[in-house]
Amino acid sequence: MQMAAATRPRVIAFQGINNFRDFGGWRAADGARVVTGVLFRSAHMARATSADLARLADLRLAAVTDLRQRKERDEHPSAWLGKLAFRVIEEQDDSADYVGGSKAQPPHVAAFSQSNFSRDAMVDLLAGHYATMPYDPRHIVLFLRYFDHLSRQRGGMVVHCAAGKDRTGILVRLTHHILGVHPDDAMEDYLLSNTAGNVMERLPSLKRRMEETYDRPIEAEAIQALLTVEPAYIERCWAALAATSGSVDAYLVNVLGIDAAKQQAIRERLLS
């Protein structure tokens, strides 16, 4: 396993934003290292405080990729809207390059609403979603826009969804793949959501809200499964890419349209 020795804290503490962290700093092929202070990931930013907005401004971000659906954004609008200026990559139903669209629920919502409220059911459903999320038409468009930005533009980028662990986890893992980060290190970064996401602190309040919504007792273990990630999830995703597209690399080229030249441009910008 290649061990990273990042020169800055990986997890960045905010008052109202969970799971915010720098996913640079990892070693890549040929002794290179992914730059720090440029690639960030997080949960949604609807509860960001004034102090959080000041800290976001200090990061000098150029763009935000918001993987949430329109309904999610309407229900929990980012607190920086109208206060900080970023290029925003998000779903646009009327976009000329938006193909098909999807009415599917977000993975964490679907896993819970379709389950029998047990931990095992939650894990099985989330793993199943990981096999299909890369092929959701809206994700294909958003992933392509994200990688196109990384290949051409300068400045920092933060990518997020609702919890910053599933949709974000897949896109970050694809980014690490392009950059040549060792799979063990990429998995370590992925699993960091289980601690950086403040899961145990958030669990009691979410449990109460979910029990009110569904009008029934719900095991804490089921809620915890909803808030965390498992190695099996990203492994299921990678297996689906191999089975459907032939390989991760073939998926990047043939489904997303991220050809060798664009991948090389991303590496030249983000490796040092």
Protein backbone atom coordinates (compact mmCIF):
# COMPACT_ATOMS: atom_id res chain seq x y z
CA MET A 1 0.00 0.00 0.00
CA GLN A 2 1.25 3.47 -0.83
CA MET A 3 0.91 5.80 2.13
CA ALA A 4 0.20 9.48 1.67
CA ALA A 5 1.94 12.13 3.70
CA ALA A 6 -0.24 15.12 3.02
CA THR A 7 1.24 18.41 4.10
CA ARG A 8 -2.10 19.84 5.26
CA PRO A 9 -5.06 18.44 7.22
CA ARG A 10 -7.20 16.17 5.11
CA VAL A 11 -10.44 16.85 7.02
CA ILE A 12 -11.38 20.53 7.26
CA ALA A 13 -13.68 21.48 10.13
CA PHE A 14 -16.72 23.64 9.45
CA GLN A 15 -19.53 24.58 11.80
CA GLY A 16 -22.41 23.72 9.47
CA ILE A 17 -20.87 21.59 6.71
CA ASN A 18 -20.22 17.89 7.24
CA ASN A 19 -17.63 15.69 5.61
CA PHE A 20 -15.58 18.52 4.09
CA ARG A 21 -12.11 17.41 3.12
CA ASP A 22 -9.20 17.74 0.73
CA PHE A 23 -8.94 14.65 -1.45
CA GLY A 24 -5.54 15.61 -2.80
CA GLY A 25 -2.20 14.71 -1.25
CA TRP A 26 -2.15 11.04 -2.21
CA ARG A 27 0.80 9.49 -4.00
CA ALA A 28 0.27 8.63 -7.63
CA ALA A 29 2.24 6.73 -10.25
CA ASP A 30 5.91 7.48 -10.97
CA GLY A 31 6.46 9.18 -7.62
CA ALA A 32 4.09 12.06 -8.31
CA ARG A 33 1.58 13.31 -5.75
CA VAL A 34 -1.89 14.77 -6.16
CA VAL A 35 -1.76 18.47 -5.33
CA THR A 36 -3.42 19.72 -2.16
CA GLY A 37 -5.60 22.79 -1.74
CA VAL A 38 -7.37 22.28 -5.08
CA LEU A 39 -9.64 19.21 -4.86
CA PHE A 40 -12.29 19.19 -2.14
CA ARG A 41 -15.36 17.10 -1.34
CA SER A 42 -18.19 17.59 1.14
CA ALA A 43 -21.79 17.12 2.11
CA HIS A 44 -24.32 19.81 1.18
CA MET A 45 -23.75 23.39 2.34
CA ALA A 46 -27.28 24.49 3.22
CA ARG A 47 -26.39 24.98 6.90
CA ALA A 48 -23.10 26.79 6.39
CA THR A 49 -22.62 29.62 8.88
CA SER A 50 -21.13 33.05 8.23
CA ALA A 51 -17.84 31.75 9.55
CA ASP A 52 -18.08 28.79 7.19
CA LEU A 53 -18.64 31.11 4.23
CA ALA A 54 -15.57 33.10 5.20
CA ARG A 55 -13.55 29.90 5.32
CA LEU A 56 -14.90 28.80 1.94
CA ALA A 57 -13.83 32.15 0.52
CA ASP A 58 -10.34 31.59 1.91
CA LEU A 59 -10.07 28.34 -0.07
CA ARG A 60 -10.25 30.37 -3.32
CA LEU A 61 -12.57 27.93 -5.02
CA ALA A 62 -13.30 28.50 -8.69
CA ALA A 63 -16.14 26.00 -9.06
CA VAL A 64 -18.65 23.79 -7.27
CA THR A 65 -20.03 20.54 -8.66
CA ASP A 66 -23.38 19.85 -7.00
CA LEU A 67 -24.50 16.30 -7.76
CA ARG A 68 -27.87 16.68 -6.07
CA GLN A 69 -31.14 16.61 -7.97
CA ARG A 70 -33.12 19.79 -8.46
CA LYS A 71 -35.60 18.89 -5.71
CA GLU A 72 -32.76 18.37 -3.24
CA ARG A 73 -31.25 21.74 -4.12
CA ASP A 74 -34.62 23.46 -3.76
CA GLU A 75 -35.20 21.90 -0.33
CA HIS A 76 -31.68 22.61 0.92
CA PRO A 77 -30.21 25.54 -1.08
CA SER A 78 -26.52 26.20 -0.62
CA ALA A 79 -25.93 28.96 1.92
CA TRP A 80 -23.27 30.59 -0.26
CA LEU A 81 -25.75 31.44 -3.04
CA GLY A 82 -25.74 35.20 -3.60
CA LYS A 83 -22.74 35.61 -1.29
CA LEU A 84 -19.85 33.83 -3.01
CA ALA A 85 -19.20 33.59 -6.72
CA PHE A 86 -18.43 30.13 -8.10
CA ARG A 87 -18.92 28.48 -11.43
CA VAL A 88 -21.64 25.91 -10.68
CA ILE A 89 -21.87 22.52 -12.33
CA GLU A 90 -25.30 21.08 -11.56
CA GLU A 91 -28.26 19.37 -13.17
CA GLN A 92 -30.09 21.51 -15.72
CA ASP A 93 -33.15 19.80 -17.15
CA ASP A 94 -33.36 22.17 -20.10
CA SER A 95 -29.71 21.83 -21.05
CA ALA A 96 -29.03 20.92 -24.68
CA ASP A 97 -26.71 18.10 -23.60
CA TYR A 98 -28.97 16.70 -20.89
CA VAL A 99 -30.02 13.33 -22.28
CA GLY A 100 -33.02 11.45 -21.00
CA GLY A 101 -33.08 12.60 -17.40
CA SER A 102 -33.85 10.54 -14.32
CA LYS A 103 -36.68 10.56 -11.83
CA ALA A 104 -34.84 8.14 -9.53
CA GLN A 105 -34.58 9.05 -5.87
CA PRO A 106 -31.19 9.95 -4.42
CA PRO A 107 -29.40 6.72 -3.39
CA HIS A 108 -29.65 7.28 0.37
CA VAL A 109 -33.36 8.15 0.13
CA ALA A 110 -34.14 5.22 -2.15
CA ALA A 111 -32.27 2.78 0.07
CA PHE A 112 -34.31 3.77 3.07
CA SER A 113 -37.72 4.17 1.48
CA GLN A 114 -37.44 0.85 -0.35
CA SER A 115 -36.06 -1.18 2.56
CA ASN A 116 -37.57 -3.12 5.44
CA PHE A 117 -35.75 -0.73 7.81
CA SER A 118 -33.01 -3.24 8.69
CA ARG A 119 -29.27 -2.69 8.43
CA ASP A 120 -28.78 -5.63 6.05
CA ALA A 121 -31.46 -4.38 3.69
CA MET A 122 -29.92 -0.92 3.71
CA VAL A 123 -26.48 -2.27 2.83
CA ASP A 124 -27.84 -4.46 0.02
CA LEU A 125 -29.87 -1.64 -1.52
CA LEU A 126 -27.03 0.87 -1.37
CA ALA A 127 -24.66 -1.63 -2.98
CA GLY A 128 -27.18 -2.12 -5.76
CA HIS A 129 -27.41 1.62 -6.35
CA TYR A 130 -23.64 1.80 -6.75
CA ALA A 131 -23.90 -0.54 -9.71
CA THR A 132 -26.34 1.73 -11.53
CA MET A 133 -25.37 5.28 -10.51
CA PRO A 134 -22.51 5.64 -13.04
CA TYR A 135 -24.97 4.99 -15.86
CA ASP A 136 -27.71 7.35 -14.73
CA PRO A 137 -28.00 9.83 -17.63
CA ARG A 138 -27.87 12.85 -15.30
CA HIS A 139 -24.69 11.55 -13.66
CA ILE A 140 -23.06 10.95 -17.02
CA VAL A 141 -23.65 14.60 -17.96
CA LEU A 142 -22.51 15.95 -14.59
CA PHE A 143 -19.42 13.73 -14.45
CA LEU A 144 -18.45 14.82 -17.96
CA ARG A 145 -18.84 18.52 -17.08
CA TYR A 146 -16.78 18.03 -13.93
CA PHE A 147 -13.90 16.31 -15.73
CA ASP A 148 -14.04 18.80 -18.58
CA HIS A 149 -13.63 21.60 -16.05
CA LEU A 150 -10.70 19.84 -14.38
CA SER A 151 -8.96 19.44 -17.74
CA ARG A 152 -9.31 23.07 -18.85
CA GLN A 153 -9.79 25.42 -15.91
CA ARG A 154 -7.62 26.64 -13.05
CA GLY A 155 -8.60 27.14 -9.42
CA GLY A 156 -10.08 24.94 -6.73
CA MET A 157 -13.11 22.69 -7.03
CA VAL A 158 -15.45 21.22 -4.42
CA VAL A 159 -17.74 18.35 -5.39
CA HIS A 160 -20.66 17.39 -3.18
CA CYS A 161 -24.06 15.74 -3.01
CA ALA A 162 -26.28 15.47 0.07
CA ALA A 163 -24.03 13.52 2.44
CA GLY A 164 -20.87 13.67 0.33
CA LYS A 165 -20.37 9.92 0.41
CA ASP A 166 -22.13 8.01 -2.41
CA ARG A 167 -22.49 10.05 -5.59
CA THR A 168 -19.52 12.14 -4.50
CA GLY A 169 -17.63 9.00 -3.51
CA ILE A 170 -17.95 7.53 -7.01
CA LEU A 171 -16.85 10.71 -8.75
CA VAL A 172 -13.88 11.19 -6.42
CA ARG A 173 -12.88 7.55 -6.91
CA LEU A 174 -12.95 8.05 -10.70
CA THR A 175 -10.79 11.15 -10.27
CA HIS A 176 -8.26 9.20 -8.21
CA HIS A 177 -8.24 6.49 -10.88
CA ILE A 178 -7.35 9.00 -13.61
CA LEU A 179 -4.62 10.46 -11.39
CA GLY A 180 -3.11 7.05 -10.68
CA VAL A 181 -3.77 6.97 -6.94
CA HIS A 182 -3.21 3.47 -5.53
CA PRO A 183 -6.52 1.62 -5.01
CA ASP A 184 -5.76 1.09 -1.31
CA ASP A 185 -5.25 4.81 -0.79
CA ALA A 186 -8.35 5.63 -2.83
CA MET A 187 -10.33 3.26 -0.62
CA GLU A 188 -8.92 4.90 2.51
CA ASP A 189 -10.07 8.27 1.22
CA TYR A 190 -13.51 6.87 0.42
CA LEU A 191 -13.97 5.31 3.87
CA LEU A 192 -13.01 8.54 5.59
CA SER A 193 -16.66 9.59 5.22
CA ASN A 194 -17.41 7.27 8.14
CA THR A 195 -15.54 9.57 10.53
CA ALA A 196 -15.42 12.91 8.73
CA GLY A 197 -19.19 12.82 8.28
CA ASN A 198 -19.86 13.25 12.03
CA VAL A 199 -22.05 10.16 11.84
CA MET A 200 -22.47 9.39 15.52
CA GLU A 201 -23.29 13.01 16.38
CA ARG A 202 -25.95 13.19 13.67
CA LEU A 203 -27.47 9.77 14.24
CA PRO A 204 -29.90 10.53 17.15
CA SER A 205 -31.56 13.51 15.49
CA LEU A 206 -31.86 11.76 12.14
CA LYS A 207 -33.32 8.70 13.86
CA ARG A 208 -36.01 10.85 15.47
CA ARG A 209 -36.86 12.54 12.16
CA MET A 210 -37.05 9.26 10.27
CA GLU A 211 -39.26 7.67 12.92
CA GLU A 212 -41.60 10.64 12.71
CA THR A 213 -41.66 10.43 8.92
CA TYR A 214 -42.35 6.69 8.77
CA ASP A 215 -44.35 6.50 12.01
CA ARG A 216 -42.51 3.45 13.34
CA PRO A 217 -39.45 2.57 15.46
CA ILE A 218 -36.24 2.28 13.43
CA GLU A 219 -33.08 0.56 14.59
CA ALA A 220 -30.09 2.83 15.10
CA GLU A 221 -28.01 0.33 13.10
CA ALA A 222 -30.19 0.95 10.05
CA ILE A 223 -29.74 4.71 10.35
CA GLN A 224 -26.00 4.24 10.79
CA ALA A 225 -25.89 2.16 7.61
CA LEU A 226 -27.66 4.99 5.80
CA LEU A 227 -25.02 7.50 6.94
CA THR A 228 -21.89 5.43 6.29
CA VAL A 229 -20.09 3.67 3.45
CA GLU A 230 -18.73 0.15 3.01
CA PRO A 231 -15.82 -1.14 0.89
CA ALA A 232 -18.35 -3.43 -0.81
CA TYR A 233 -20.17 -0.41 -2.27
CA ILE A 234 -17.32 0.97 -4.34
CA GLU A 235 -16.21 -2.58 -5.18
CA ARG A 236 -19.71 -3.24 -6.54
CA CYS A 237 -19.46 -0.07 -8.60
CA TRP A 238 -16.09 -1.08 -10.06
CA ALA A 239 -17.43 -4.57 -10.86
CA ALA A 240 -20.40 -3.03 -12.68
CA LEU A 241 -18.12 -0.81 -14.75
CA ALA A 242 -16.08 -3.85 -15.74
CA ALA A 243 -19.16 -5.93 -16.55
CA THR A 244 -21.01 -3.24 -18.48
CA SER A 245 -18.23 -1.23 -20.11
CA GLY A 246 -15.32 -3.69 -20.06
CA SER A 247 -13.20 -1.69 -17.62
CA VAL A 248 -13.08 1.55 -15.69
CA ASP A 249 -10.90 3.06 -18.40
CA ALA A 250 -13.39 2.02 -21.09
CA TYR A 251 -16.20 3.62 -19.09
CA LEU A 252 -14.27 6.89 -18.86
CA VAL A 253 -13.61 6.97 -22.61
CA ASN A 254 -16.71 5.39 -24.13
CA VAL A 255 -19.43 6.51 -21.70
CA LEU A 256 -18.14 9.80 -20.30
CA GLY A 257 -16.06 10.80 -23.34
CA ILE A 258 -12.97 11.52 -21.25
CA ASP A 259 -10.35 10.56 -23.82
CA ALA A 260 -6.62 10.05 -23.33
CA ALA A 261 -5.79 13.68 -24.12
CA LYS A 262 -8.28 15.01 -21.59
CA GLN A 263 -7.07 12.57 -18.93
CA GLN A 264 -3.50 13.65 -19.55
CA ALA A 265 -4.50 17.30 -19.20
CA ILE A 266 -6.08 16.49 -15.83
CA ARG A 267 -2.92 14.71 -14.69
CA GLU A 268 -0.69 17.57 -15.82
CA ARG A 269 -2.77 20.04 -13.84
CA LEU A 270 -3.29 18.02 -10.65
CA LEU A 271 -0.07 16.05 -10.17
CA SER A 272 3.13 17.54 -8.83
